[in-house]
Amino acid sequence: MSSLRYTVRCLRDIRPTPRPQWHPPAAAATTATATTALPYRPRIHQTARTLSTTASRPADLNNDITKEPPPGWNEFQGAVAATDADADADAGSYPDSSSSSSSSSSSNFGALEAASAVAATPFARAVPVSPSYFSRKPIFNDSYVVVQDLARKYARLPVLPRDKVAPTAWRTKEQYRLAIGEHVKGRDYAECMKLVKRLNQIHPDLMPAEVLAGLAPFKREVNFYLNKPKVLPIDRFGRSHAVGKRKSSIAQAWVVEGTGEVLVNGKPLSDAFGRIHDRESAVWALKSTERIDKYNVWAKVQGGGTTGQAEALTLAIAKALCVHEPALKNPLRRAGCITRDPRKVERKKHGHVKARKMPTWVKR
């Protein structure tokens, strides 16, 4: 059994018991006299709890944090002071005034008992809410326990086949680590994701709200499956326009049905590109789909060199060609005309001759 499963089992079995650490004292039943001792709150032994450091804190026990007296504490102190004053007065009074002093002491002790009952708010130290607070991965452990409880609770709900489930963008292990700031092991995250994907297969009409809340920490903020490609229009002249980039070169191409004429910056293809390789790269999208004599191309290129301009023009013509014939997208992708090439010249570093080359080492 892995350490994670053992820890999760312990955390599930160890449930915090919200019991106060101190019991409020019972109301005093003794008769109040001038010589009766002040009500004493005996310290009761701490109640049996599974983890003393993980018991949930009652809502009204925050006075030891804010350093403010509990409700009724000031009245309790005033009643104690009044009782002490009456006791001192009784010690120096005459015997004939014992009845009046007894009645006043009784009233003071009655007020003292009432104030002590109000001021009997127990004090408790701050304790963490989660049992896994002292573990190395408290956020992940809590999420894992929640997912396991949900999987056990809703195991009988009908599920959809995997191919019928709406595609969801899940966080990778690295993205989840960055999101919560904890070093989660790959094996533990994979086991958790199995349960998460199983819960995601529940029928959408029967999906409980708590299941959606439990799956939220594992979803990406942006679902890229919902992205829709931008539809490029065809203008009133029958032209489709597209833009392609390569290195620092930018190319714009207008494609229209014709006889296969190609103009680049107002020049024929042979004048715009001197190298044969660049000429073939520029019209490779038309040549790979055997459309070289079916469309006319008018293009504008700027920036970079001839190689970058030719490859940028390839991407622009391929995009514009897909507007006329969308069925050509897969053949163009296989030919390498749809994907943008992100490679660029690596910058030179200080202390280096070039991007990677180091100066020749000389011993003397």
Protein backbone atom coordinates (compact mmCIF):
# COMPACT_ATOMS: atom_id res chain seq x y z
CA MET A 1 0.00 0.00 0.00
CA SER A 2 1.41 3.34 -1.01
CA SER A 3 2.09 6.03 1.56
CA LEU A 4 -0.57 8.28 0.01
CA ARG A 5 -3.32 5.67 0.31
CA TYR A 6 -2.32 4.95 3.90
CA THR A 7 -2.38 8.67 4.72
CA VAL A 8 -5.73 9.19 3.03
CA ARG A 9 -7.21 6.22 4.89
CA CYS A 10 -5.99 7.62 8.19
CA LEU A 11 -7.35 11.08 7.39
CA ARG A 12 -10.73 9.63 6.47
CA ASP A 13 -10.94 7.55 9.65
CA ILE A 14 -9.77 10.41 11.84
CA ARG A 15 -12.69 12.77 11.93
CA PRO A 16 -12.35 15.89 14.08
CA THR A 17 -14.86 16.08 16.92
CA PRO A 18 -15.97 19.66 17.62
CA ARG A 19 -15.97 19.40 21.41
CA PRO A 20 -14.81 22.20 23.65
CA GLN A 21 -11.60 21.69 25.56
CA TRP A 22 -13.24 22.97 28.77
CA HIS A 23 -16.68 22.17 30.12
CA PRO A 24 -18.75 25.09 31.43
CA PRO A 25 -19.30 24.79 35.18
CA ALA A 26 -22.62 23.70 36.57
CA ALA A 27 -24.72 26.28 38.37
CA ALA A 28 -23.90 26.53 42.05
CA ALA A 29 -26.69 25.13 44.25
CA THR A 30 -25.38 26.28 47.62
CA THR A 31 -27.11 28.93 49.66
CA ALA A 32 -25.49 32.35 49.56
CA THR A 33 -24.11 33.58 52.87
CA ALA A 34 -21.56 36.16 53.81
CA THR A 35 -18.90 33.49 54.34
CA THR A 36 -19.68 31.37 51.23
CA ALA A 37 -16.67 31.02 48.94
CA LEU A 38 -16.73 32.36 45.41
CA PRO A 39 -18.00 29.95 42.77
CA TYR A 40 -15.05 27.93 41.51
CA ARG A 41 -14.88 26.56 38.00
CA PRO A 42 -13.13 23.21 38.32
CA ARG A 43 -10.85 22.22 35.47
CA ILE A 44 -12.27 19.19 33.76
CA HIS A 45 -9.94 16.82 32.01
CA GLN A 46 -9.84 17.26 28.27
CA THR A 47 -12.47 15.23 26.52
CA ALA A 48 -11.35 12.29 24.46
CA ARG A 49 -10.62 13.38 20.91
CA THR A 50 -8.94 11.65 18.02
CA LEU A 51 -6.55 14.50 17.30
CA SER A 52 -6.33 17.34 19.76
CA THR A 53 -4.76 19.62 17.20
CA THR A 54 -7.43 19.10 14.57
CA ALA A 55 -10.66 19.65 16.49
CA SER A 56 -12.78 22.26 14.75
CA ARG A 57 -12.97 25.51 16.69
CA PRO A 58 -16.43 26.66 17.84
CA ALA A 59 -17.69 29.80 16.20
CA ASP A 60 -17.72 31.87 19.40
CA LEU A 61 -14.24 30.89 20.62
CA ASN A 62 -12.15 33.60 19.07
CA ASN A 63 -11.46 35.75 22.11
CA ASP A 64 -8.04 34.24 22.75
CA ILE A 65 -7.03 35.41 19.28
CA THR A 66 -8.45 38.94 19.42
CA LYS A 67 -7.45 39.42 23.08
CA GLU A 68 -10.96 40.64 23.90
CA PRO A 69 -12.86 39.51 27.02
CA PRO A 70 -15.72 37.05 26.43
CA PRO A 71 -19.32 38.28 26.67
CA GLY A 72 -20.36 38.93 30.28
CA TRP A 73 -16.82 39.10 31.62
CA ASN A 74 -17.09 42.73 32.72
CA GLU A 75 -20.35 42.02 34.59
CA PHE A 76 -18.68 39.07 36.27
CA GLN A 77 -15.77 41.23 37.46
CA GLY A 78 -18.19 43.87 38.77
CA ALA A 79 -20.17 41.25 40.73
CA VAL A 80 -16.94 39.88 42.25
CA ALA A 81 -15.88 43.38 43.32
CA ALA A 82 -19.29 44.05 44.86
CA THR A 83 -19.16 40.76 46.77
CA ASP A 84 -15.70 41.55 48.13
CA ALA A 85 -16.87 44.99 49.27
CA ASP A 86 -19.87 43.50 51.08
CA ALA A 87 -17.66 40.93 52.77
CA ASP A 88 -15.34 43.68 54.05
CA ALA A 89 -18.33 45.69 55.27
CA ASP A 90 -19.78 42.67 57.09
CA ALA A 91 -16.51 42.10 58.89
CA GLY A 92 -16.67 45.59 60.54
CA SER A 93 -20.47 45.88 61.01
CA TYR A 94 -22.51 45.60 64.22
CA PRO A 95 -24.53 42.48 65.08
CA ASP A 96 -27.90 44.28 64.76
CA SER A 97 -27.28 44.93 61.07
CA SER A 98 -26.71 41.26 60.16
CA SER A 99 -30.15 40.86 58.54
CA SER A 100 -29.68 43.77 56.14
CA SER A 101 -26.13 42.69 55.26
CA SER A 102 -27.31 39.13 54.68
CA SER A 103 -29.97 40.27 52.23
CA SER A 104 -27.48 42.47 50.34
CA SER A 105 -24.94 39.64 50.23
CA SER A 106 -27.60 37.29 48.89
CA SER A 107 -28.46 39.67 46.09
CA ASN A 108 -24.76 40.16 45.27
CA PHE A 109 -24.12 36.44 45.18
CA GLY A 110 -27.15 35.96 42.96
CA ALA A 111 -25.76 38.53 40.53
CA LEU A 112 -22.37 36.83 40.77
CA GLU A 113 -23.81 33.45 39.84
CA ALA A 114 -25.72 34.93 36.87
CA ALA A 115 -22.64 36.77 35.63
CA SER A 116 -20.45 33.66 36.05
CA ALA A 117 -22.91 31.64 33.96
CA VAL A 118 -22.70 34.23 31.14
CA ALA A 119 -18.92 34.55 31.40
CA ALA A 120 -18.36 30.79 31.30
CA THR A 121 -17.27 30.91 27.67
CA PRO A 122 -14.50 28.34 27.35
CA PHE A 123 -11.12 29.29 25.95
CA ALA A 124 -9.47 27.16 23.26
CA ARG A 125 -6.34 27.48 21.22
CA ALA A 126 -6.41 27.96 17.45
CA VAL A 127 -6.45 24.65 15.63
CA PRO A 128 -6.36 23.96 11.87
CA VAL A 129 -9.57 23.17 10.06
CA SER A 130 -8.16 20.34 7.95
CA PRO A 131 -6.73 17.14 9.47
CA SER A 132 -4.00 17.14 6.79
CA TYR A 133 -2.69 20.58 7.77
CA PHE A 134 0.56 19.13 9.12
CA SER A 135 1.15 16.87 6.13
CA ARG A 136 3.40 17.76 3.23
CA LYS A 137 0.49 18.10 0.78
CA PRO A 138 -2.59 19.35 2.65
CA ILE A 139 -4.41 20.82 -0.36
CA PHE A 140 -3.92 17.76 -2.54
CA ASN A 141 -4.80 15.36 0.28
CA ASP A 142 -8.03 17.23 1.01
CA SER A 143 -8.98 17.25 -2.67
CA TYR A 144 -8.15 13.56 -2.97
CA VAL A 145 -10.31 12.68 0.03
CA VAL A 146 -13.20 14.71 -1.40
CA VAL A 147 -12.90 12.96 -4.77
CA GLN A 148 -12.82 9.53 -3.14
CA ASP A 149 -15.91 10.31 -1.05
CA LEU A 150 -17.76 11.55 -4.14
CA ALA A 151 -16.77 8.48 -6.15
CA ARG A 152 -18.05 6.22 -3.37
CA LYS A 153 -21.25 8.23 -2.88
CA TYR A 154 -22.27 8.49 -6.54
CA ALA A 155 -20.93 5.18 -7.80
CA ARG A 156 -24.41 4.02 -8.88
CA LEU A 157 -25.28 7.00 -11.08
CA PRO A 158 -25.47 6.24 -14.82
CA VAL A 159 -22.43 7.22 -16.85
CA LEU A 160 -21.80 8.02 -20.50
CA PRO A 161 -19.30 6.21 -22.75
CA ARG A 162 -15.95 7.90 -23.03
CA ASP A 163 -16.52 8.92 -26.63
CA LYS A 164 -19.80 10.63 -25.67
CA VAL A 165 -18.38 12.75 -22.84
CA ALA A 166 -17.77 16.42 -23.63
CA PRO A 167 -14.03 17.02 -23.99
CA THR A 168 -12.56 18.64 -20.90
CA ALA A 169 -9.16 20.30 -20.53
CA TRP A 170 -7.56 18.81 -17.40
CA ARG A 171 -4.53 20.22 -15.67
CA THR A 172 -1.29 18.35 -16.11
CA LYS A 173 0.82 17.37 -13.14
CA GLU A 174 3.12 20.35 -13.61
CA GLN A 175 0.20 22.78 -13.96
CA TYR A 176 -1.46 21.39 -10.83
CA ARG A 177 1.79 21.74 -8.88
CA LEU A 178 2.07 25.39 -9.89
CA ALA A 179 -1.59 26.03 -9.07
CA ILE A 180 -1.48 24.71 -5.49
CA GLY A 181 2.21 25.17 -4.72
CA GLU A 182 2.79 21.58 -3.57
CA HIS A 183 5.07 18.86 -4.90
CA VAL A 184 2.62 16.13 -5.89
CA LYS A 185 4.00 12.78 -7.02
CA GLY A 186 3.10 11.60 -10.48
CA ARG A 187 1.73 8.26 -9.31
CA ASP A 188 -0.54 9.88 -6.74
CA TYR A 189 -1.82 12.43 -9.23
CA ALA A 190 -2.51 9.70 -11.80
CA GLU A 191 -4.57 7.70 -9.29
CA CYS A 192 -6.54 10.81 -8.40
CA MET A 193 -7.18 11.67 -12.04
CA LYS A 194 -8.66 8.20 -12.64
CA LEU A 195 -11.38 8.97 -10.11
CA VAL A 196 -11.81 12.49 -11.47
CA LYS A 197 -12.38 11.27 -15.02
CA ARG A 198 -14.74 8.58 -13.75
CA LEU A 199 -16.85 11.24 -12.01
CA ASN A 200 -16.77 13.36 -15.15
CA GLN A 201 -18.54 10.54 -17.04
CA ILE A 202 -21.72 10.93 -14.97
CA HIS A 203 -24.70 11.86 -17.14
CA PRO A 204 -24.94 15.68 -17.42
CA ASP A 205 -28.64 15.67 -16.47
CA LEU A 206 -27.84 13.84 -13.20
CA MET A 207 -24.55 15.56 -12.37
CA PRO A 208 -24.68 16.77 -8.71
CA ALA A 209 -23.45 20.24 -7.88
CA GLU A 210 -20.95 18.95 -5.30
CA VAL A 211 -19.33 16.77 -7.96
CA LEU A 212 -18.77 19.82 -10.18
CA ALA A 213 -17.25 21.64 -7.21
CA GLY A 214 -14.99 18.68 -6.45
CA LEU A 215 -13.74 18.50 -10.06
CA ALA A 216 -13.09 22.24 -10.38
CA PRO A 217 -9.53 22.20 -8.90
CA PHE A 218 -8.40 19.76 -11.61
CA LYS A 219 -9.77 21.69 -14.61
CA ARG A 220 -7.90 24.30 -16.58
CA GLU A 221 -9.13 27.84 -16.47
CA VAL A 222 -9.50 27.91 -20.27
CA ASN A 223 -10.97 24.93 -22.11
CA PHE A 224 -9.20 24.94 -25.45
CA TYR A 225 -11.65 22.35 -26.78
CA LEU A 226 -14.26 25.11 -26.94
CA ASN A 227 -12.14 27.26 -29.26
CA LYS A 228 -13.69 27.70 -32.67
CA PRO A 229 -11.58 28.49 -35.73
CA LYS A 230 -12.09 31.86 -37.32
CA VAL A 231 -13.92 31.61 -40.64
CA LEU A 232 -12.15 33.54 -43.39
CA PRO A 233 -14.62 35.05 -45.87
CA ILE A 234 -14.46 35.32 -49.65
CA ASP A 235 -14.94 38.90 -50.86
CA ARG A 236 -17.18 40.04 -53.70
CA PHE A 237 -14.35 39.56 -56.20
CA GLY A 238 -13.98 35.88 -55.30
CA ARG A 239 -10.70 36.42 -53.42
CA SER A 240 -9.64 34.83 -50.13
CA HIS A 241 -7.11 36.65 -47.97
CA ALA A 242 -4.68 35.11 -45.45
CA VAL A 243 -1.51 36.05 -43.58
CA GLY A 244 1.57 33.91 -42.98
CA LYS A 245 4.68 34.49 -40.84
CA ARG A 246 8.14 32.95 -40.65
CA LYS A 247 11.03 34.28 -38.57
CA SER A 248 10.75 38.07 -39.00
CA SER A 249 8.99 37.90 -42.39
CA ILE A 250 5.29 38.60 -42.95
CA ALA A 251 3.40 37.62 -46.10
CA GLN A 252 -0.14 38.46 -47.25
CA ALA A 253 -1.72 36.43 -50.03
CA TRP A 254 -4.91 36.86 -52.07
CA VAL A 255 -5.98 33.69 -53.89
CA VAL A 256 -8.60 33.68 -56.66
CA GLU A 257 -9.55 31.12 -59.27
CA GLY A 258 -7.49 31.58 -62.43
CA THR A 259 -4.79 30.11 -64.63
CA GLY A 260 -1.84 29.83 -62.25
CA GLU A 261 -0.27 33.30 -62.34
CA VAL A 262 1.74 34.32 -59.26
CA LEU A 263 2.82 37.90 -58.48
CA VAL A 264 4.93 38.80 -55.43
CA ASN A 265 5.18 42.52 -54.69
CA GLY A 266 4.11 43.16 -58.26
CA LYS A 267 6.87 40.97 -59.75
CA PRO A 268 6.74 37.50 -61.26
CA LEU A 269 7.81 34.62 -59.06
CA SER A 270 11.12 34.18 -60.92
CA ASP A 271 12.06 37.83 -60.33
CA ALA A 272 10.97 37.94 -56.69
CA PHE A 273 13.01 34.87 -55.65
CA GLY A 274 16.31 34.12 -57.30
CA ARG A 275 16.83 30.66 -55.74
CA ILE A 276 14.88 27.75 -57.14
CA HIS A 277 14.36 26.37 -53.64
CA ASP A 278 12.62 29.58 -52.57
CA ARG A 279 10.37 29.52 -55.66
CA GLU A 280 9.29 25.96 -54.93
CA SER A 281 8.71 26.76 -51.25
CA ALA A 282 6.49 29.74 -52.12
CA VAL A 283 4.05 27.68 -54.24
CA TRP A 284 4.47 24.36 -52.42
CA ALA A 285 0.86 24.51 -51.13
CA LEU A 286 -0.46 24.65 -54.70
CA LYS A 287 1.96 22.06 -56.02
CA SER A 288 1.34 19.48 -53.27
CA THR A 289 -2.43 19.61 -53.91
CA GLU A 290 -2.08 19.79 -57.72
CA ARG A 291 -3.76 23.19 -57.90
CA ILE A 292 -0.85 25.06 -59.50
CA ASP A 293 -2.79 25.90 -62.67
CA LYS A 294 -6.20 26.50 -61.05
CA TYR A 295 -5.64 29.58 -58.88
CA ASN A 296 -3.99 32.95 -59.30
CA VAL A 297 -1.98 34.40 -56.39
CA TRP A 298 -1.17 38.02 -55.62
CA ALA A 299 1.10 38.44 -52.60
CA LYS A 300 2.89 41.10 -50.56
CA VAL A 301 5.94 40.17 -48.48
CA GLN A 302 8.08 42.27 -46.14
CA GLY A 303 10.80 41.78 -43.53
CA GLY A 304 13.49 39.16 -43.20
CA GLY A 305 15.29 37.44 -46.04
CA THR A 306 14.22 35.52 -49.10
CA THR A 307 13.99 32.17 -47.30
CA GLY A 308 11.78 33.57 -44.56
CA GLN A 309 9.58 35.40 -47.06
CA ALA A 310 9.14 32.28 -49.20
CA GLU A 311 8.15 30.08 -46.26
CA ALA A 312 5.82 32.78 -44.91
CA LEU A 313 4.19 32.90 -48.34
CA THR A 314 3.69 29.13 -48.23
CA LEU A 315 1.64 29.43 -45.03
CA ALA A 316 -0.39 32.36 -46.36
CA ILE A 317 -1.28 30.59 -49.65
CA ALA A 318 -2.23 27.39 -47.77
CA LYS A 319 -4.62 29.26 -45.46
CA ALA A 320 -6.22 31.11 -48.35
CA LEU A 321 -6.54 27.88 -50.33
CA CYS A 322 -8.45 26.23 -47.45
CA VAL A 323 -11.07 28.96 -47.73
CA HIS A 324 -11.90 27.92 -51.27
CA GLU A 325 -11.63 24.17 -50.62
CA PRO A 326 -11.90 23.22 -46.91
CA ALA A 327 -11.38 19.55 -47.78
CA LEU A 328 -7.74 20.31 -48.59
CA LYS A 329 -6.85 21.12 -44.99
CA ASN A 330 -5.74 17.60 -44.07
CA PRO A 331 -3.61 17.08 -47.21
CA LEU A 332 -2.01 20.49 -46.64
CA ARG A 333 -1.33 19.63 -43.02
CA ARG A 334 0.38 16.40 -44.03
CA ALA A 335 2.45 18.40 -46.51
CA GLY A 336 3.57 20.73 -43.69
CA CYS A 337 1.91 23.87 -45.08
CA ILE A 338 -0.59 24.62 -42.28
CA THR A 339 1.61 24.55 -39.19
CA ARG A 340 3.44 27.75 -38.29
CA ASP A 341 7.19 27.17 -37.95
CA PRO A 342 8.22 28.80 -34.64
CA ARG A 343 11.98 28.42 -35.10
CA LYS A 344 14.05 31.58 -35.01
CA VAL A 345 17.71 32.51 -34.88
CA GLU A 346 18.97 32.20 -31.32
CA ARG A 347 20.33 35.38 -29.85
CA LYS A 348 24.00 35.92 -29.15
CA LYS A 349 25.09 35.73 -25.50
CA HIS A 350 27.67 37.90 -23.81
CA GLY A 351 30.97 36.10 -23.42
CA HIS A 352 30.19 33.88 -26.42
CA VAL A 353 31.35 34.27 -29.99
CA LYS A 354 27.83 33.41 -31.23
CA ALA A 355 24.69 31.95 -29.66
CA ARG A 356 26.44 28.77 -28.48
CA LYS A 357 30.06 29.06 -29.64
CA MET A 358 32.59 29.83 -26.92
CA PRO A 359 35.98 31.47 -27.40
CA THR A 360 38.88 29.15 -28.03
CA TRP A 361 40.52 28.17 -24.75
CA VAL A 362 44.23 28.96 -24.60
CA LYS A 363 46.31 27.65 -21.74
CA ARG A 364 48.94 30.39 -21.97
